[in-house]
């Protein structure tokens, strides 16, 4: 039972950690894409 509980806790922690990293990467990726798109839009204006 203790082993099962320990494994369940590890799985839950890993799932939450992976979900957090995925959301973090998604936010960083969206911000990066938006900044790149803004730079791309500013280049022709110059």
PDB file of N, CA and C in Angstrom:
ATOM      1  N   UNK A   1       0.843  -1.197   0.000  1.00  0.00           N
ATOM      2  CA  UNK A   1       0.000   0.000   0.000  1.00  0.00           C
ATOM      3  C   UNK A   1       0.877   1.245   0.000  1.00  0.00           C
ATOM      4  N   UNK A   2       1.910   1.244   0.847  1.00  0.00           N
ATOM      5  CA  UNK A   2       2.797   2.410   0.892  1.00  0.00           C
ATOM      6  C   UNK A   2       3.481   2.612  -0.458  1.00  0.00           C
ATOM      7  N   UNK A   3       3.892   1.501  -1.090  1.00  0.00           N
ATOM      8  CA  UNK A   3       4.552   1.618  -2.397  1.00  0.00           C
ATOM      9  C   UNK A   3       3.578   2.190  -3.411  1.00  0.00           C
ATOM     10  N   UNK A   4       2.327   1.691  -3.390  1.00  0.00           N
ATOM     11  CA  UNK A   4       1.322   2.188  -4.333  1.00  0.00           C
ATOM     12  C   UNK A   4       1.072   3.676  -4.096  1.00  0.00           C
ATOM     13  N   UNK A   5       0.936   4.052  -2.821  1.00  0.00           N
ATOM     14  CA  UNK A   5       0.695   5.464  -2.508  1.00  0.00           C
ATOM     15  C   UNK A   5       1.884   6.298  -2.969  1.00  0.00           C
ATOM     16  N   UNK A   6       3.099   5.800  -2.720  1.00  0.00           N
ATOM     17  CA  UNK A   6       4.291   6.534  -3.133  1.00  0.00           C
ATOM     18  C   UNK A   6       4.329   6.693  -4.646  1.00  0.00           C
ATOM     19  N   UNK A   7       4.039   5.601  -5.378  1.00  0.00           N
ATOM     20  CA  UNK A   7       4.056   5.691  -6.836  1.00  0.00           C
ATOM     21  C   UNK A   7       2.965   6.626  -7.325  1.00  0.00           C
ATOM     22  N   UNK A   8       1.790   6.570  -6.690  1.00  0.00           N
ATOM     23  CA  UNK A   8       0.704   7.465  -7.102  1.00  0.00           C
ATOM     24  C   UNK A   8       1.110   8.914  -6.872  1.00  0.00           C
ATOM     25  N   UNK A   9       1.742   9.181  -5.729  1.00  0.00           N
ATOM     26  CA  UNK A   9       2.185  10.555  -5.453  1.00  0.00           C
ATOM     27  C   UNK A   9       3.211  10.996  -6.487  1.00  0.00           C
ATOM     28  N   UNK A  10       4.141  10.093  -6.841  1.00  0.00           N
ATOM     29  CA  UNK A  10       5.163  10.439  -7.836  1.00  0.00           C
ATOM     30  C   UNK A  10       4.506  10.718  -9.182  1.00  0.00           C
ATOM     31  N   UNK A  11       3.547   9.864  -9.561  1.00  0.00           N
ATOM     32  CA  UNK A  11       2.866  10.049 -10.850  1.00  0.00           C
ATOM     33  C   UNK A  11       2.103  11.366 -10.857  1.00  0.00           C
ATOM     34  N   UNK A  12       1.387  11.644  -9.757  1.00  0.00           N
ATOM     35  CA  UNK A  12       0.629  12.901  -9.688  1.00  0.00           C
ATOM     36  C   UNK A  12       1.576  14.094  -9.749  1.00  0.00           C
ATOM     37  N   UNK A  13       2.692  14.018  -9.002  1.00  0.00           N
ATOM     38  CA  UNK A  13       3.645  15.129  -9.013  1.00  0.00           C
ATOM     39  C   UNK A  13       4.238  15.312 -10.404  1.00  0.00           C
ATOM     40  N   UNK A  14       4.584  14.206 -11.076  1.00  0.00           N
ATOM     41  CA  UNK A  14       5.144  14.306 -12.424  1.00  0.00           C
ATOM     42  C   UNK A  14       4.115  14.870 -13.386  1.00  0.00           C
ATOM     43  N   UNK A  15       2.853  14.433 -13.241  1.00  0.00           N
ATOM     44  CA  UNK A  15       1.816  14.926 -14.151  1.00  0.00           C
ATOM     45  C   UNK A  15       1.614  16.423 -13.952  1.00  0.00           C
ATOM     46  N   UNK A  16       1.566  16.853 -12.685  1.00  0.00           N
ATOM     47  CA  UNK A  16       1.404  18.291 -12.427  1.00  0.00           C
ATOM     48  C   UNK A  16       2.627  19.055 -12.926  1.00  0.00           C
ATOM     49  N   UNK A  17       3.832  18.490 -12.711  1.00  0.00           N
ATOM     50  CA  UNK A  17       5.057  19.161 -13.153  1.00  0.00           C
ATOM     51  C   UNK A  17       5.079  19.274 -14.673  1.00  0.00           C
ATOM     52  N   UNK A  18       4.735  18.184 -15.370  1.00  0.00           N
ATOM     53  CA  UNK A  18       4.721  18.218 -16.837  1.00  0.00           C
ATOM     54  C   UNK A  18       3.663  19.188 -17.331  1.00  0.00           C
ATOM     55  N   UNK A  19       2.505  19.203 -16.671  1.00  0.00           N
ATOM     56  CA  UNK A  19       1.450  20.136 -17.078  1.00  0.00           C
ATOM     57  C   UNK A  19       1.933  21.568 -16.893  1.00  0.00           C
ATOM     58  N   UNK A  20       2.623  21.831 -15.784  1.00  0.00           N
ATOM     59  CA  UNK A  20       3.134  23.175 -15.536  1.00  0.00           C
ATOM     60  C   UNK A  20       4.176  23.568 -16.579  1.00  0.00           C
ATOM     61  N   UNK A  21       5.079  22.612 -16.909  1.00  0.00           N
ATOM     62  CA  UNK A  21       6.106  22.929 -17.896  1.00  0.00           C
ATOM     63  C   UNK A  21       5.468  23.139 -19.262  1.00  0.00           C
ATOM     64  N   UNK A  22       4.466  22.333 -19.592  1.00  0.00           N
ATOM     65  CA  UNK A  22       3.792  22.489 -20.891  1.00  0.00           C
ATOM     66  C   UNK A  22       3.132  23.855 -20.972  1.00  0.00           C
ATOM     67  N   UNK A  23       2.415  24.245 -19.905  1.00  0.00           N
ATOM     68  CA  UNK A  23       1.776  25.575 -19.904  1.00  0.00           C
ATOM     69  C   UNK A  23       2.832  26.664 -19.950  1.00  0.00           C
ATOM     70  N   UNK A  24       3.941  26.461 -19.213  1.00  0.00           N
ATOM     71  CA  UNK A  24       5.012  27.461 -19.218  1.00  0.00           C
ATOM     72  C   UNK A  24       5.606  27.613 -20.608  1.00  0.00           C
ATOM     73  N   UNK A  25       5.898  26.464 -21.263  1.00  0.00           N
ATOM     74  CA  UNK A  25       6.444  26.525 -22.616  1.00  0.00           C
ATOM     75  C   UNK A  25       5.440  27.144 -23.568  1.00  0.00           C
ATOM     76  N   UNK A  26       4.149  26.835 -23.377  1.00  0.00           N
ATOM     77  CA  UNK A  26       3.109  27.395 -24.253  1.00  0.00           C
ATOM     78  C   UNK A  26       3.073  28.912 -24.118  1.00  0.00           C
ATOM     79  N   UNK A  27       3.118  29.406 -22.872  1.00  0.00           N
ATOM     80  CA  UNK A  27       3.085  30.859 -22.656  1.00  0.00           C
ATOM     81  C   UNK A  27       4.323  31.505 -23.272  1.00  0.00           C
ATOM     82  N   UNK A  28       5.494  30.921 -23.019  1.00  0.00           N
ATOM     83  CA  UNK A  28       6.732  31.478 -23.573  1.00  0.00           C
ATOM     84  C   UNK A  28       6.684  31.455 -25.096  1.00  0.00           C
ATOM     85  N   UNK A  29       6.170  30.345 -25.657  1.00  0.00           N
ATOM     86  CA  UNK A  29       6.102  30.225 -27.119  1.00  0.00           C
ATOM     87  C   UNK A  29       5.156  31.267 -27.701  1.00  0.00           C
ATOM     88  N   UNK A  30       3.997  31.452 -27.065  1.00  0.00           N
ATOM     89  CA  UNK A  30       3.025  32.439 -27.560  1.00  0.00           C
ATOM     90  C   UNK A  30       3.623  33.840 -27.490  1.00  0.00           C
ATOM     91  N   UNK A  31       4.256  34.164 -26.349  1.00  0.00           N
ATOM     92  CA  UNK A  31       4.862  35.492 -26.211  1.00  0.00           C
ATOM     93  C   UNK A  31       5.957  35.679 -27.258  1.00  0.00           C
ATOM     94  N   UNK A  32       6.774  34.632 -27.461  1.00  0.00           N
ATOM     95  CA  UNK A  32       7.856  34.728 -28.447  1.00  0.00           C
ATOM     96  C   UNK A  32       7.288  34.927 -29.847  1.00  0.00           C
ATOM     97  N   UNK A  33       6.245  34.183 -30.191  1.00  0.00           N
ATOM     98  CA  UNK A  33       5.637  34.310 -31.526  1.00  0.00           C
ATOM     99  C   UNK A  33       5.037  35.698 -31.693  1.00  0.00           C
ATOM    100  N   UNK A  34       4.366  36.188 -30.654  1.00  0.00           N
ATOM    101  CA  UNK A  34       3.767  37.516 -30.751  1.00  0.00           C
ATOM    102  C   UNK A  34       4.852  38.573 -30.930  1.00  0.00           C
ATOM    103  N   UNK A  35       5.957  38.450 -30.197  1.00  0.00           N
ATOM    104  CA  UNK A  35       7.039  39.432 -30.323  1.00  0.00           C
ATOM    105  C   UNK A  35       7.653  39.342 -31.711  1.00  0.00           C
ATOM    106  N   UNK A  36       7.800  38.114 -32.220  1.00  0.00           N
ATOM    107  CA  UNK A  36       8.350  37.953 -33.568  1.00  0.00           C
ATOM    108  C   UNK A  36       7.404  38.560 -34.601  1.00  0.00           C
ATOM    109  N   UNK A  37       6.102  38.345 -34.428  1.00  0.00           N
ATOM    110  CA  UNK A  37       5.135  38.894 -35.379  1.00  0.00           C
ATOM    111  C   UNK A  37       5.166  40.420 -35.318  1.00  0.00           C
ATOM    112  N   UNK A  38       5.305  40.993 -34.122  1.00  0.00           N
ATOM    113  CA  UNK A  38       5.381  42.453 -33.995  1.00  0.00           C
ATOM    114  C   UNK A  38       6.635  42.953 -34.699  1.00  0.00           C
ATOM    115  N   UNK A  39       7.758  42.240 -34.516  1.00  0.00           N
ATOM    116  CA  UNK A  39       8.993  42.653 -35.181  1.00  0.00           C
ATOM    117  C   UNK A  39       8.828  42.544 -36.694  1.00  0.00           C
ATOM    118  N   UNK A  40       8.177  41.483 -37.152  1.00  0.00           N
ATOM    119  CA  UNK A  40       7.969  41.308 -38.584  1.00  0.00           C
ATOM    120  C   UNK A  40       7.084  42.418 -39.129  1.00  0.00           C
ATOM    121  N   UNK A  41       6.106  42.844 -38.340  1.00  0.00           N
ATOM    122  CA  UNK A  41       5.223  43.915 -38.799  1.00  0.00           C
ATOM    123  C   UNK A  41       5.943  45.258 -38.780  1.00  0.00           C
ATOM    124  N   UNK A  42       6.874  45.432 -37.851  1.00  0.00           N
ATOM    125  CA  UNK A  42       7.576  46.717 -37.744  1.00  0.00           C
ATOM    126  C   UNK A  42       8.637  46.860 -38.835  1.00  0.00           C
ATOM    127  N   UNK A  43       9.185  45.744 -39.293  1.00  0.00           N
ATOM    128  CA  UNK A  43      10.253  45.822 -40.299  1.00  0.00           C
ATOM    129  C   UNK A  43       9.750  46.482 -41.593  1.00  0.00           C
ATOM    130  N   UNK A  44       8.601  46.073 -42.178  1.00  0.00           N
ATOM    131  CA  UNK A  44       8.146  46.720 -43.411  1.00  0.00           C
ATOM    132  C   UNK A  44       7.825  48.194 -43.196  1.00  0.00           C
ATOM    133  N   UNK A  45       7.357  48.572 -41.995  1.00  0.00           N
ATOM    134  CA  UNK A  45       7.012  49.972 -41.750  1.00  0.00           C
ATOM    135  C   UNK A  45       8.260  50.845 -41.815  1.00  0.00           C
ATOM    136  N   UNK A  46       9.395  50.282 -41.430  1.00  0.00           N
ATOM    137  CA  UNK A  46      10.632  51.063 -41.493  1.00  0.00           C
ATOM    138  C   UNK A  46      11.037  51.249 -42.955  1.00  0.00           C
TER     139      UNK A  46
END
